[in-house]
Protein backbone atom coordinates (compact mmCIF):
# COMPACT_ATOMS: atom_id res chain seq x y z
CA MET A 1 -16.99 33.04 -15.29
CA GLY A 2 -18.14 29.41 -15.34
CA SER A 3 -21.23 28.12 -13.59
CA PHE A 4 -19.16 26.36 -10.92
CA ALA A 5 -17.32 29.57 -10.06
CA GLU A 6 -20.60 31.51 -10.01
CA ALA A 7 -22.17 29.00 -7.63
CA LEU A 8 -19.15 29.11 -5.33
CA ARG A 9 -19.06 32.90 -5.36
CA GLY A 10 -22.75 32.97 -4.49
CA ILE A 11 -22.18 30.77 -1.46
CA SER A 12 -19.29 32.95 -0.37
CA ASP A 13 -21.36 36.12 -0.75
CA ARG A 14 -24.27 34.77 1.30
CA VAL A 15 -22.43 33.07 4.17
CA HIS A 16 -20.82 35.29 6.79
CA GLY A 17 -17.27 34.27 7.64
CA THR A 18 -16.53 32.32 4.45
CA ARG A 19 -12.81 32.03 3.80
CA ALA A 20 -13.06 29.72 0.78
CA VAL A 21 -15.44 27.31 -0.90
CA SER A 22 -14.55 24.55 -3.37
CA LEU A 23 -16.13 21.94 -5.54
CA VAL A 24 -14.07 18.82 -4.85
CA GLY A 25 -14.06 15.25 -6.05
CA ALA A 26 -14.62 12.45 -3.55
CA ASP A 27 -10.90 11.76 -3.96
CA GLY A 28 -10.16 15.16 -2.38
CA ILE A 29 -8.99 16.96 -5.51
CA PRO A 30 -10.49 20.46 -5.92
CA VAL A 31 -12.16 21.16 -9.27
CA GLU A 32 -12.87 24.84 -8.65
CA THR A 33 -12.21 27.14 -5.68
CA TRP A 34 -13.47 30.59 -4.73
CA GLY A 35 -12.08 32.77 -1.97
CA SER A 36 -8.86 33.23 -0.10
CA THR A 37 -7.41 30.53 2.10
CA GLU A 38 -4.96 32.99 3.67
CA GLY A 39 -1.87 30.84 3.34
CA LEU A 40 -3.68 27.52 3.73
CA SER A 41 -3.59 24.96 0.96
CA MET A 42 -7.15 24.20 -0.11
CA GLU A 43 -5.77 21.05 -1.73
CA THR A 44 -4.51 19.86 1.67
CA VAL A 45 -7.77 20.75 3.42
CA ALA A 46 -9.76 18.93 0.71
CA ALA A 47 -7.53 15.84 0.91
CA GLU A 48 -7.88 15.66 4.70
CA MET A 49 -11.64 16.11 4.52
CA ALA A 50 -11.77 13.32 1.90
CA GLY A 51 -10.12 11.07 4.49
CA LEU A 52 -12.84 11.98 6.99
CA LEU A 53 -15.44 11.31 4.30
CA ARG A 54 -14.06 7.80 3.73
CA ALA A 55 -14.23 7.09 7.47
CA ALA A 56 -17.78 8.47 7.64
CA ARG A 57 -18.81 6.33 4.67
CA ASN A 58 -17.42 3.23 6.40
CA ALA A 59 -19.33 4.09 9.57
CA ALA A 60 -22.53 4.72 7.60
CA THR A 61 -22.16 1.38 5.84
CA ALA A 62 -21.66 -0.42 9.16
CA ALA A 63 -24.71 1.35 10.60
CA ARG A 64 -26.74 0.76 7.40
CA SER A 65 -27.71 4.43 7.42
CA GLY A 66 -27.36 5.21 3.72
CA PRO A 67 -25.07 7.61 1.86
CA VAL A 68 -23.19 10.30 3.78
CA ARG A 69 -24.66 13.71 2.99
CA GLU A 70 -22.41 15.92 5.10
CA VAL A 71 -19.23 15.91 7.22
CA ALA A 72 -18.33 18.89 9.39
CA THR A 73 -15.50 19.76 11.74
CA VAL A 74 -15.65 22.59 14.23
CA ALA A 75 -12.33 23.65 15.72
CA ASP A 76 -11.20 26.66 17.72
CA GLY A 77 -9.95 28.49 14.63
CA ALA A 78 -12.11 27.30 11.74
CA ILE A 79 -15.16 25.35 10.63
CA THR A 80 -15.13 23.03 7.62
CA VAL A 81 -18.19 21.49 5.99
CA LEU A 82 -18.16 18.91 3.23
CA SER A 83 -21.60 18.56 1.62
CA ARG A 84 -22.59 15.97 -1.01
CA VAL A 85 -23.54 17.08 -4.52
CA THR A 86 -23.34 13.64 -6.18
CA GLY A 87 -21.66 10.41 -5.15
CA GLU A 88 -18.43 11.71 -6.67
CA TYR A 89 -18.56 15.45 -5.95
CA TYR A 90 -18.81 17.51 -2.78
CA LEU A 91 -18.85 21.17 -1.84
CA LEU A 92 -16.25 22.14 0.74
CA LEU A 93 -16.86 25.27 2.80
CA LEU A 94 -14.09 26.72 4.94
CA LEU A 95 -15.36 29.22 7.49
CA GLY A 96 -13.52 31.37 9.96
CA ARG A 97 -14.20 30.94 13.65
CA GLU A 98 -17.01 33.50 13.48
CA GLY A 99 -18.60 31.88 10.41
CA ASN A 100 -22.30 31.10 10.26
CA LEU A 101 -22.42 27.29 10.18
CA GLY A 102 -26.21 27.03 9.88
CA ARG A 103 -26.39 29.42 6.95
CA GLY A 104 -23.40 27.68 5.37
CA ARG A 105 -25.09 24.27 5.53
CA PHE A 106 -28.27 25.75 4.04
CA GLU A 107 -26.44 27.45 1.16
CA LEU A 108 -24.42 24.29 0.43
CA ARG A 109 -27.64 22.26 0.13
CA LYS A 110 -29.17 24.84 -2.24
CA ALA A 111 -26.04 24.96 -4.40
CA ALA A 112 -25.73 21.16 -4.42
CA ALA A 113 -29.25 20.83 -5.82
CA ALA A 114 -28.43 23.26 -8.63
CA LEU A 115 -24.99 21.78 -9.42
CA GLU A 116 -26.14 18.15 -9.34
CA LYS A 117 -27.81 18.54 -12.74
CA GLU A 118 -24.57 19.76 -14.29
CA LEU A 119 -22.45 16.99 -12.80
CA LEU A 120 -24.62 13.99 -13.71
């Protein structure tokens, strides 16, 4: 198992309610995915979150607030979190409704710090 898959599995194991976790490019294309999306296309979720990331980057530029570190959506049925690893790579966490968002954000930050070295 590669280091990306190991990192993703570790996040999944430590965050209650994880459905899937992916390493994705800023363009929305998944590099590696761990977990079951239960009939959802992780490629579609990643592409849509990349669109939100572009909008957030534009807003951050207008507000002169620096690089976007995280984008999250909380809906009735699922929670998605996109967390920056490098300027070109993000971790995408898909949680069920009962998922632990706080723990997910924490684990994504830890994994991002470890993966950043491998992606630069």
